[in-house]
């Protein structure tokens, strides 16, 4: 549905490779895994921020359309009331 494709596994793999190369080597592998998870979560945050901005733009667009339609309905009601008065 979105115009922008979601990041594929190749990009996630690239981030993991960068993390492994830049992360200091510790005897505890859990720290590096936790760090990799945190960076992957950061990449997910960016994806969600973009999605949020896109949805926010769509909501503003829909609200603007609703305002235009509301104005048209008000004008139609006003015209109907005027015609009723002219007929009476």
N, C-alpha and C. Protein backbone atom coordinates (compact mmCIF):
# COMPACT_ATOMS: atom_id res chain seq x y z
N UNK A 1 0.81 -1.19 0.00
CA UNK A 1 0.00 0.00 0.00
C UNK A 1 0.86 1.26 0.00
N UNK A 2 1.96 1.20 0.68
CA UNK A 2 2.85 2.34 0.77
C UNK A 2 3.66 2.48 -0.52
N UNK A 3 4.03 3.69 -0.85
CA UNK A 3 4.85 3.92 -2.03
C UNK A 3 6.30 3.56 -1.78
N UNK A 4 6.68 3.56 -0.51
CA UNK A 4 8.06 3.27 -0.16
C UNK A 4 8.16 1.81 0.27
N UNK A 5 9.04 1.04 -0.35
CA UNK A 5 9.17 -0.36 0.04
C UNK A 5 9.79 -0.47 1.43
N UNK A 6 9.37 -1.47 2.16
CA UNK A 6 9.95 -1.68 3.48
C UNK A 6 11.35 -2.24 3.31
N UNK A 7 12.22 -1.96 4.29
CA UNK A 7 13.59 -2.45 4.16
C UNK A 7 13.61 -3.98 4.18
N UNK A 8 14.37 -4.55 3.29
CA UNK A 8 14.44 -5.99 3.19
C UNK A 8 15.49 -6.57 4.12
N UNK A 9 15.64 -7.88 4.12
CA UNK A 9 16.61 -8.50 5.01
C UNK A 9 18.05 -8.13 4.67
N UNK A 10 18.30 -7.72 3.43
CA UNK A 10 19.67 -7.37 3.07
C UNK A 10 20.14 -6.14 3.84
N UNK A 11 19.25 -5.16 4.05
CA UNK A 11 19.63 -3.98 4.80
C UNK A 11 19.84 -4.32 6.27
N UNK A 12 18.97 -5.15 6.84
CA UNK A 12 19.13 -5.55 8.23
C UNK A 12 20.44 -6.29 8.42
N UNK A 13 20.79 -7.14 7.46
CA UNK A 13 22.03 -7.89 7.52
C UNK A 13 23.21 -6.93 7.47
N UNK A 14 23.10 -5.90 6.63
CA UNK A 14 24.18 -4.92 6.52
C UNK A 14 24.40 -4.22 7.86
N UNK A 15 23.31 -3.83 8.54
CA UNK A 15 23.44 -3.17 9.83
C UNK A 15 24.10 -4.11 10.84
N UNK A 16 23.74 -5.37 10.80
CA UNK A 16 24.34 -6.34 11.70
C UNK A 16 25.82 -6.50 11.45
N UNK A 17 26.24 -6.50 10.18
CA UNK A 17 27.65 -6.64 9.85
C UNK A 17 28.42 -5.43 10.33
N UNK A 18 27.85 -4.26 10.19
CA UNK A 18 28.52 -3.05 10.64
C UNK A 18 28.67 -3.09 12.15
N UNK A 19 27.64 -3.56 12.84
CA UNK A 19 27.71 -3.63 14.29
C UNK A 19 28.80 -4.60 14.75
N UNK A 20 28.89 -5.74 14.09
CA UNK A 20 29.88 -6.72 14.49
C UNK A 20 31.29 -6.17 14.26
N UNK A 21 31.47 -5.41 13.20
CA UNK A 21 32.80 -4.88 12.91
C UNK A 21 33.16 -3.76 13.88
N UNK A 22 32.18 -2.94 14.29
CA UNK A 22 32.50 -1.79 15.13
C UNK A 22 32.36 -2.10 16.62
N UNK A 23 31.66 -3.16 16.98
CA UNK A 23 31.47 -3.48 18.38
C UNK A 23 32.75 -4.07 18.96
N UNK A 24 33.11 -3.64 20.18
CA UNK A 24 34.31 -4.21 20.79
C UNK A 24 34.07 -5.68 21.13
N UNK A 25 35.13 -6.45 21.08
CA UNK A 25 34.99 -7.88 21.36
C UNK A 25 35.07 -8.09 22.86
N UNK A 26 34.03 -8.70 23.40
CA UNK A 26 33.97 -9.02 24.82
C UNK A 26 33.78 -10.52 24.96
N UNK A 27 34.22 -11.06 26.08
CA UNK A 27 33.97 -12.48 26.27
C UNK A 27 32.47 -12.78 26.35
N UNK A 28 31.71 -11.82 26.79
CA UNK A 28 30.26 -12.01 26.88
C UNK A 28 29.63 -11.65 25.55
N UNK A 29 29.03 -12.63 24.87
CA UNK A 29 28.41 -12.38 23.58
C UNK A 29 27.03 -11.76 23.75
N UNK A 30 26.48 -11.80 24.95
CA UNK A 30 25.16 -11.24 25.16
C UNK A 30 25.18 -9.73 25.02
N UNK A 31 26.25 -9.09 25.40
CA UNK A 31 26.33 -7.64 25.26
C UNK A 31 26.28 -7.22 23.80
N UNK A 32 27.04 -7.90 22.95
CA UNK A 32 27.04 -7.54 21.54
C UNK A 32 25.69 -7.83 20.91
N UNK A 33 25.03 -8.90 21.32
CA UNK A 33 23.70 -9.20 20.80
C UNK A 33 22.70 -8.14 21.25
N UNK A 34 22.81 -7.72 22.51
CA UNK A 34 21.91 -6.69 23.01
C UNK A 34 22.14 -5.39 22.24
N UNK A 35 23.39 -5.08 21.96
CA UNK A 35 23.71 -3.87 21.20
C UNK A 35 23.14 -3.96 19.79
N UNK A 36 23.29 -5.12 19.17
CA UNK A 36 22.76 -5.32 17.82
C UNK A 36 21.25 -5.17 17.82
N UNK A 37 20.60 -5.68 18.86
CA UNK A 37 19.15 -5.56 18.96
C UNK A 37 18.75 -4.09 19.13
N UNK A 38 19.54 -3.34 19.91
CA UNK A 38 19.23 -1.93 20.12
C UNK A 38 19.35 -1.15 18.81
N UNK A 39 20.36 -1.44 18.02
CA UNK A 39 20.52 -0.74 16.75
C UNK A 39 19.43 -1.16 15.78
N UNK A 40 19.10 -2.44 15.77
CA UNK A 40 18.01 -2.90 14.91
C UNK A 40 16.71 -2.22 15.33
N UNK A 41 16.53 -2.05 16.63
CA UNK A 41 15.34 -1.35 17.12
C UNK A 41 15.39 0.11 16.67
N UNK A 42 16.57 0.70 16.62
CA UNK A 42 16.71 2.07 16.13
C UNK A 42 16.31 2.17 14.67
N UNK A 43 16.68 1.17 13.88
CA UNK A 43 16.29 1.15 12.47
C UNK A 43 14.78 1.02 12.36
N UNK A 44 14.19 0.22 13.23
CA UNK A 44 12.72 0.08 13.25
C UNK A 44 12.08 1.40 13.64
N UNK A 45 12.70 2.13 14.58
CA UNK A 45 12.16 3.43 14.99
C UNK A 45 12.10 4.38 13.80
N UNK A 46 13.13 4.38 12.98
CA UNK A 46 13.15 5.26 11.80
C UNK A 46 12.02 4.88 10.87
N UNK A 47 11.83 3.58 10.68
CA UNK A 47 10.75 3.11 9.80
C UNK A 47 9.39 3.56 10.35
N UNK A 48 9.21 3.43 11.68
CA UNK A 48 7.94 3.83 12.27
C UNK A 48 7.75 5.34 12.23
N UNK A 49 8.82 6.10 12.36
CA UNK A 49 8.71 7.56 12.27
C UNK A 49 8.26 7.97 10.88
N UNK A 50 8.81 7.33 9.85
CA UNK A 50 8.40 7.64 8.48
C UNK A 50 6.93 7.27 8.28
N UNK A 51 6.54 6.12 8.81
CA UNK A 51 5.15 5.68 8.71
C UNK A 51 4.24 6.67 9.43
N UNK A 52 4.66 7.14 10.60
CA UNK A 52 3.89 8.11 11.38
C UNK A 52 3.70 9.40 10.59
N UNK A 53 4.77 9.90 9.99
CA UNK A 53 4.68 11.13 9.21
C UNK A 53 3.75 10.97 8.02
N UNK A 54 3.83 9.81 7.36
CA UNK A 54 2.96 9.55 6.21
C UNK A 54 1.49 9.49 6.64
N UNK A 55 1.23 8.81 7.75
CA UNK A 55 -0.15 8.71 8.24
C UNK A 55 -0.67 10.07 8.70
N UNK A 56 0.20 10.85 9.32
CA UNK A 56 -0.20 12.19 9.78
C UNK A 56 -0.57 13.07 8.59
N UNK A 57 0.21 12.97 7.50
CA UNK A 57 -0.08 13.73 6.29
C UNK A 57 -1.42 13.30 5.71
N UNK A 58 -1.67 11.99 5.69
CA UNK A 58 -2.94 11.49 5.17
C UNK A 58 -4.12 11.97 6.00
N UNK A 59 -3.95 11.99 7.32
CA UNK A 59 -5.02 12.46 8.21
C UNK A 59 -5.32 13.93 7.94
N UNK A 60 -4.28 14.74 7.79
CA UNK A 60 -4.49 16.17 7.49
C UNK A 60 -5.22 16.35 6.17
N UNK A 61 -4.84 15.54 5.18
CA UNK A 61 -5.48 15.62 3.87
C UNK A 61 -6.97 15.24 3.97
N UNK A 62 -7.26 14.19 4.71
CA UNK A 62 -8.65 13.75 4.88
C UNK A 62 -9.45 14.80 5.65
N UNK A 63 -8.85 15.39 6.68
CA UNK A 63 -9.54 16.43 7.44
C UNK A 63 -9.85 17.64 6.56
N UNK A 64 -8.92 18.01 5.69
CA UNK A 64 -9.15 19.13 4.78
C UNK A 64 -10.31 18.81 3.83
N UNK A 65 -10.33 17.58 3.31
CA UNK A 65 -11.44 17.17 2.44
C UNK A 65 -12.77 17.20 3.20
N UNK A 66 -12.75 16.75 4.45
CA UNK A 66 -13.97 16.76 5.26
C UNK A 66 -14.46 18.19 5.48
N UNK A 67 -13.53 19.12 5.71
CA UNK A 67 -13.92 20.51 5.90
C UNK A 67 -14.59 21.07 4.64
N UNK A 68 -14.03 20.73 3.48
CA UNK A 68 -14.62 21.19 2.21
C UNK A 68 -16.03 20.63 2.04
N UNK A 69 -16.18 19.34 2.32
CA UNK A 69 -17.50 18.72 2.18
C UNK A 69 -18.49 19.30 3.19
N UNK A 70 -18.04 19.57 4.40
CA UNK A 70 -18.91 20.17 5.41
C UNK A 70 -19.41 21.53 4.94
N UNK A 71 -18.52 22.31 4.35
CA UNK A 71 -18.91 23.63 3.83
C UNK A 71 -19.95 23.48 2.72
N UNK A 72 -19.77 22.50 1.84
CA UNK A 72 -20.75 22.26 0.77
C UNK A 72 -22.10 21.87 1.33
N UNK A 73 -22.10 21.03 2.36
CA UNK A 73 -23.36 20.61 2.99
C UNK A 73 -24.05 21.82 3.62
N UNK A 74 -23.30 22.68 4.28
CA UNK A 74 -23.89 23.88 4.88
C UNK A 74 -24.51 24.77 3.81
N UNK A 75 -23.81 24.94 2.69
CA UNK A 75 -24.36 25.76 1.61
C UNK A 75 -25.63 25.13 1.04
N UNK A 76 -25.64 23.82 0.88
CA UNK A 76 -26.83 23.14 0.36
C UNK A 76 -28.01 23.33 1.31
N UNK A 77 -27.77 23.19 2.61
CA UNK A 77 -28.85 23.38 3.59
C UNK A 77 -29.37 24.81 3.55
N UNK A 78 -28.45 25.75 3.41
CA UNK A 78 -28.84 27.16 3.34
C UNK A 78 -29.69 27.42 2.10
N UNK A 79 -29.28 26.84 0.96
CA UNK A 79 -30.05 27.01 -0.28
C UNK A 79 -31.43 26.36 -0.17
N UNK A 80 -31.50 25.20 0.46
CA UNK A 80 -32.80 24.53 0.64
C UNK A 80 -33.70 25.39 1.50
N UNK A 81 -33.16 25.94 2.57
CA UNK A 81 -33.96 26.80 3.45
C UNK A 81 -34.45 28.04 2.69
N UNK A 82 -33.58 28.63 1.87
CA UNK A 82 -33.97 29.80 1.09
C UNK A 82 -35.09 29.44 0.11
N UNK A 83 -34.98 28.29 -0.55
CA UNK A 83 -36.01 27.87 -1.51
C UNK A 83 -37.34 27.60 -0.81
N UNK A 84 -37.28 27.04 0.39
CA UNK A 84 -38.52 26.80 1.15
C UNK A 84 -39.20 28.13 1.48
N UNK A 85 -38.38 29.12 1.85
CA UNK A 85 -38.96 30.42 2.17
C UNK A 85 -39.57 31.08 0.93
N UNK A 86 -38.90 30.93 -0.22
CA UNK A 86 -39.42 31.51 -1.46
C UNK A 86 -40.72 30.83 -1.88
N UNK A 87 -40.83 29.54 -1.65
CA UNK A 87 -42.02 28.80 -2.05
C UNK A 87 -43.20 29.15 -1.15
N UNK A 88 -42.94 29.44 0.12
CA UNK A 88 -44.03 29.72 1.06
C UNK A 88 -44.67 31.06 0.88
